[in-house]
Protein backbone atom coordinates (compact mmCIF):
# COMPACT_ATOMS: atom_id res chain seq x y z
CA MET A 1 -161.04 -7.36 -121.45
CA TRP A 2 -160.56 -5.64 -118.17
CA ALA A 3 -156.27 -5.56 -117.61
CA SER A 4 -153.19 -6.17 -119.24
CA THR A 5 -150.09 -8.27 -118.06
CA PRO A 6 -146.63 -7.36 -119.32
CA SER A 7 -144.20 -10.01 -118.15
CA SER A 8 -140.70 -9.67 -117.42
CA ILE A 9 -139.43 -13.41 -118.15
CA ARG A 10 -135.67 -14.04 -116.96
CA GLN A 11 -133.61 -16.89 -115.19
CA THR A 12 -133.11 -15.02 -111.98
CA PRO A 13 -136.16 -12.61 -111.23
CA THR A 14 -135.20 -11.57 -107.93
CA GLY A 15 -133.32 -8.74 -108.80
CA VAL A 16 -136.36 -7.30 -110.84
CA ARG A 17 -138.72 -7.84 -108.40
CA ALA A 18 -136.70 -5.74 -105.95
CA PHE A 19 -136.54 -3.41 -108.12
CA LEU A 20 -140.22 -2.81 -109.15
CA ARG A 21 -141.13 -3.38 -105.31
CA ASP A 22 -138.25 -0.92 -103.63
CA VAL A 23 -137.36 1.22 -106.59
CA LEU A 24 -140.46 1.95 -108.44
CA GLY A 25 -142.46 1.14 -105.22
CA LEU A 26 -145.07 -1.06 -107.01
CA LYS A 27 -147.22 -3.27 -104.72
CA SER A 28 -147.58 -6.74 -105.20
CA VAL A 29 -149.73 -10.01 -104.52
CA ASP A 30 -148.03 -13.54 -103.99
CA ALA A 31 -149.48 -15.48 -106.73
CA GLY A 32 -148.25 -18.83 -105.10
CA HIS A 33 -144.47 -20.12 -104.76
CA GLY A 34 -142.99 -16.68 -104.55
CA TRP A 35 -144.31 -15.71 -108.03
CA LEU A 36 -144.89 -11.85 -107.53
CA ILE A 37 -147.50 -10.11 -109.42
CA PHE A 38 -147.18 -6.29 -109.51
CA ALA A 39 -149.75 -3.62 -109.71
CA ALA A 40 -148.84 -1.58 -113.01
CA PRO A 41 -149.29 2.40 -113.31
CA PRO A 42 -152.25 3.33 -115.89
CA ALA A 43 -151.49 2.40 -119.27
CA GLU A 44 -152.09 3.36 -122.92
CA VAL A 45 -151.50 1.23 -126.10
CA ALA A 46 -149.88 2.44 -129.32
CA THR A 47 -149.27 0.68 -132.49
CA HIS A 48 -146.53 2.19 -134.91
CA PRO A 49 -145.30 0.86 -138.33
CA THR A 50 -142.06 -0.60 -138.66
CA GLU A 51 -139.06 0.29 -140.76
CA GLU A 52 -138.61 -1.88 -143.86
CA SER A 53 -135.81 -3.77 -141.88
CA GLU A 54 -137.54 -4.26 -138.33
CA LYS A 55 -139.26 -7.31 -137.30
CA PRO A 56 -142.69 -6.79 -135.64
CA HIS A 57 -142.15 -6.55 -131.80
CA HIS A 58 -143.42 -4.96 -128.42
CA GLU A 59 -141.86 -2.43 -126.45
CA LEU A 60 -142.74 -1.33 -123.04
CA PHE A 61 -142.18 2.15 -121.82
CA LEU A 62 -142.94 3.94 -118.31
CA MET A 63 -144.03 7.61 -118.87
CA CYS A 64 -143.01 10.53 -116.73
CA ASP A 65 -143.96 14.42 -116.44
CA ASP A 66 -140.20 15.15 -116.31
CA LEU A 67 -137.58 13.20 -117.65
CA LYS A 68 -134.72 15.07 -116.06
CA VAL A 69 -136.29 14.88 -112.59
CA THR A 70 -137.28 11.34 -112.86
CA MET A 71 -133.78 10.08 -113.93
CA LYS A 72 -132.32 11.87 -110.77
CA GLU A 73 -134.76 10.29 -108.61
CA LEU A 74 -133.80 6.91 -109.99
CA ALA A 75 -129.91 7.87 -109.84
CA ASP A 76 -130.31 8.75 -106.20
CA LYS A 77 -131.54 5.11 -105.47
CA GLY A 78 -128.78 3.66 -107.45
CA VAL A 79 -130.60 3.14 -110.66
CA LYS A 80 -128.53 3.79 -114.05
CA CYS A 81 -130.11 5.22 -117.18
CA GLY A 82 -129.11 5.20 -120.72
CA PRO A 83 -128.54 8.25 -122.73
CA VAL A 84 -131.38 10.76 -123.65
CA THR A 85 -132.77 11.03 -127.24
CA GLU A 86 -135.16 13.23 -128.42
CA ALA A 87 -137.70 11.86 -130.66
CA ARG A 88 -140.80 13.69 -132.17
CA TRP A 89 -142.83 12.08 -129.76
CA GLY A 90 -140.94 12.45 -126.55
CA LEU A 91 -137.53 12.51 -124.52
CA ILE A 92 -136.55 8.81 -123.99
CA THR A 93 -134.01 7.10 -121.77
CA SER A 94 -134.01 3.55 -120.64
CA ILE A 95 -133.53 2.17 -117.10
CA HIS A 96 -131.30 -0.50 -116.75
CA LEU A 97 -132.60 -3.58 -115.09
CA PRO A 98 -130.99 -5.77 -112.53
CA GLY A 99 -129.62 -8.96 -113.93
CA GLY A 100 -129.72 -7.17 -117.35
CA GLY A 101 -132.14 -5.70 -119.85
CA GLU A 102 -133.64 -2.40 -119.97
CA LEU A 103 -137.11 -0.84 -119.77
CA GLY A 104 -138.05 2.11 -121.70
CA LEU A 105 -138.75 5.62 -120.03
CA TYR A 106 -140.20 8.88 -121.70
CA GLN A 107 -141.41 12.33 -121.34
CA PRO A 108 -144.14 12.59 -123.97
CA LYS A 109 -144.53 15.42 -126.18
CA HIS A 110 -147.93 14.24 -127.55
CA PRO A 111 -151.34 14.15 -126.01
CA THR A 112 -152.11 11.47 -123.87
CA VAL A 113 -155.17 9.49 -123.10
CA LEU A 114 -154.15 8.92 -119.41
CA LYS A 115 -155.24 13.00 -118.97
CA LEU A 116 -158.73 12.72 -120.36
């Protein structure tokens, strides 16, 4: 394996494509027929236990060094974020995506493999 490909599946992807390109500044290639594939930031993968009532699922979070600063930068670009909550592993919010849905954003408190 040499890469991962998280996907955002929606009826009208135009707004999210513009968000990834214009707001987050991600570079892309056209895979054909206007299907854009974006370069993602470096990643790490974690697996956690669920609560008894939870179904297994996947989540996608972007990470930042300073949540308050990142939220201000996003707000300056017209992006709305959810409330900030504190978990033992970091400060967490969500980014509201065009057309609905959310993307997690957090400032980790834990060691990260990205700085090895």
